């Protein structure tokens, strides 16, 4: 039997290209925010950057990935102001 069909029958699906792009984008933005917070001594920015790097592992829906990522980016932006 085909392994891909077996995984799909168990409920596993491949992520969409939009999801992969969003996870990569927000991961890179999280690294930048974490380093910026570390250099400037801003712990809130560091924690939000860490959250940006790790939350794609917890989210499986593309629209939720983008909504949470934009909310975390807004939090970083507000913390920098």
C-alpha atoms as a PDB file:
ATOM      1  CA  UNK A   1       0.000   0.000   0.000  1.00  0.00           C
ATOM      2  CA  UNK A   2       1.127   3.553  -0.685  1.00  0.00           C
ATOM      3  CA  UNK A   3       2.494   5.280   2.486  1.00  0.00           C
ATOM      4  CA  UNK A   4       0.929   8.619   1.473  1.00  0.00           C
ATOM      5  CA  UNK A   5      -2.540   7.067   1.244  1.00  0.00           C
ATOM      6  CA  UNK A   6      -1.998   5.336   4.577  1.00  0.00           C
ATOM      7  CA  UNK A   7      -1.113   8.617   6.280  1.00  0.00           C
ATOM      8  CA  UNK A   8      -4.062  10.399   4.686  1.00  0.00           C
ATOM      9  CA  UNK A   9      -6.416   7.667   5.865  1.00  0.00           C
ATOM     10  CA  UNK A  10      -5.115   8.256   9.414  1.00  0.00           C
ATOM     11  CA  UNK A  11      -5.936  11.966   9.147  1.00  0.00           C
ATOM     12  CA  UNK A  12      -2.481  13.345   8.360  1.00  0.00           C
ATOM     13  CA  UNK A  13      -2.221  15.927   5.599  1.00  0.00           C
ATOM     14  CA  UNK A  14       0.644  17.777   3.982  1.00  0.00           C
ATOM     15  CA  UNK A  15       0.771  21.482   4.778  1.00  0.00           C
ATOM     16  CA  UNK A  16      -0.199  23.902   2.031  1.00  0.00           C
ATOM     17  CA  UNK A  17       2.436  26.118   0.380  1.00  0.00           C
ATOM     18  CA  UNK A  18       0.817  29.132   2.061  1.00  0.00           C
ATOM     19  CA  UNK A  19       1.242  27.511   5.458  1.00  0.00           C
ATOM     20  CA  UNK A  20       4.891  26.657   4.779  1.00  0.00           C
ATOM     21  CA  UNK A  21       5.590  30.208   3.603  1.00  0.00           C
ATOM     22  CA  UNK A  22       3.885  31.688   6.683  1.00  0.00           C
ATOM     23  CA  UNK A  23       5.734  29.394   9.074  1.00  0.00           C
ATOM     24  CA  UNK A  24       9.048  30.316   7.475  1.00  0.00           C
ATOM     25  CA  UNK A  25       8.225  34.040   7.394  1.00  0.00           C
ATOM     26  CA  UNK A  26       7.103  34.243  11.012  1.00  0.00           C
ATOM     27  CA  UNK A  27      10.004  32.061  12.137  1.00  0.00           C
ATOM     28  CA  UNK A  28      12.507  34.448  10.553  1.00  0.00           C
ATOM     29  CA  UNK A  29      10.682  37.454  12.002  1.00  0.00           C
ATOM     30  CA  UNK A  30      10.799  35.734  15.392  1.00  0.00           C
ATOM     31  CA  UNK A  31      14.557  35.274  15.162  1.00  0.00           C
ATOM     32  CA  UNK A  32      14.977  38.950  14.253  1.00  0.00           C
ATOM     33  CA  UNK A  33      12.722  40.053  17.120  1.00  0.00           C
ATOM     34  CA  UNK A  34      14.457  37.777  19.615  1.00  0.00           C
ATOM     35  CA  UNK A  35      17.900  39.100  18.673  1.00  0.00           C
ATOM     36  CA  UNK A  36      16.672  42.694  18.680  1.00  0.00           C
ATOM     37  CA  UNK A  37      15.131  42.263  22.123  1.00  0.00           C
ATOM     38  CA  UNK A  38      18.325  40.688  23.401  1.00  0.00           C
ATOM     39  CA  UNK A  39      20.513  43.529  22.103  1.00  0.00           C
ATOM     40  CA  UNK A  40      18.196  46.272  23.359  1.00  0.00           C
ATOM     41  CA  UNK A  41      17.448  44.641  26.701  1.00  0.00           C
ATOM     42  CA  UNK A  42      13.712  44.317  26.050  1.00  0.00           C
ATOM     43  CA  UNK A  43      12.439  41.048  27.568  1.00  0.00           C
ATOM     44  CA  UNK A  44       8.910  41.446  26.155  1.00  0.00           C
ATOM     45  CA  UNK A  45      10.270  41.599  22.618  1.00  0.00           C
ATOM     46  CA  UNK A  46      12.439  38.548  23.298  1.00  0.00           C
ATOM     47  CA  UNK A  47       9.480  36.496  24.568  1.00  0.00           C
ATOM     48  CA  UNK A  48       7.271  37.565  21.678  1.00  0.00           C
ATOM     49  CA  UNK A  49      10.077  36.674  19.257  1.00  0.00           C
ATOM     50  CA  UNK A  50      10.369  33.249  20.861  1.00  0.00           C
ATOM     51  CA  UNK A  51       6.607  32.808  20.572  1.00  0.00           C
ATOM     52  CA  UNK A  52       6.791  33.732  16.871  1.00  0.00           C
ATOM     53  CA  UNK A  53       9.423  31.058  16.337  1.00  0.00           C
ATOM     54  CA  UNK A  54       7.562  28.290  18.162  1.00  0.00           C
ATOM     55  CA  UNK A  55       3.815  28.779  17.648  1.00  0.00           C
ATOM     56  CA  UNK A  56       3.701  27.282  14.102  1.00  0.00           C
ATOM     57  CA  UNK A  57       4.340  23.899  15.748  1.00  0.00           C
ATOM     58  CA  UNK A  58       1.050  24.254  17.631  1.00  0.00           C
ATOM     59  CA  UNK A  59      -1.167  25.562  14.815  1.00  0.00           C
ATOM     60  CA  UNK A  60      -2.363  23.426  11.915  1.00  0.00           C
ATOM     61  CA  UNK A  61      -4.689  25.810  10.059  1.00  0.00           C
ATOM     62  CA  UNK A  62      -3.287  28.381   7.635  1.00  0.00           C
ATOM     63  CA  UNK A  63      -5.604  31.244   8.548  1.00  0.00           C
ATOM     64  CA  UNK A  64      -4.924  30.739  12.270  1.00  0.00           C
ATOM     65  CA  UNK A  65      -1.183  30.743  11.532  1.00  0.00           C
ATOM     66  CA  UNK A  66      -1.430  34.135   9.829  1.00  0.00           C
ATOM     67  CA  UNK A  67      -3.843  35.605  12.412  1.00  0.00           C
ATOM     68  CA  UNK A  68      -1.657  34.612  15.364  1.00  0.00           C
ATOM     69  CA  UNK A  69       1.510  35.674  13.553  1.00  0.00           C
ATOM     70  CA  UNK A  70       0.114  39.094  12.757  1.00  0.00           C
ATOM     71  CA  UNK A  71      -1.086  39.501  16.349  1.00  0.00           C
ATOM     72  CA  UNK A  72       2.362  38.622  17.709  1.00  0.00           C
ATOM     73  CA  UNK A  73       4.009  40.987  15.211  1.00  0.00           C
ATOM     74  CA  UNK A  74       1.626  43.743  16.325  1.00  0.00           C
ATOM     75  CA  UNK A  75       2.641  43.044  19.925  1.00  0.00           C
ATOM     76  CA  UNK A  76       6.312  43.399  19.010  1.00  0.00           C
ATOM     77  CA  UNK A  77       5.608  46.603  17.136  1.00  0.00           C
ATOM     78  CA  UNK A  78       3.676  48.049  20.083  1.00  0.00           C
ATOM     79  CA  UNK A  79       6.459  47.057  22.471  1.00  0.00           C
ATOM     80  CA  UNK A  80       9.036  48.843  20.312  1.00  0.00           C
ATOM     81  CA  UNK A  81       7.028  52.088  20.329  1.00  0.00           C
END
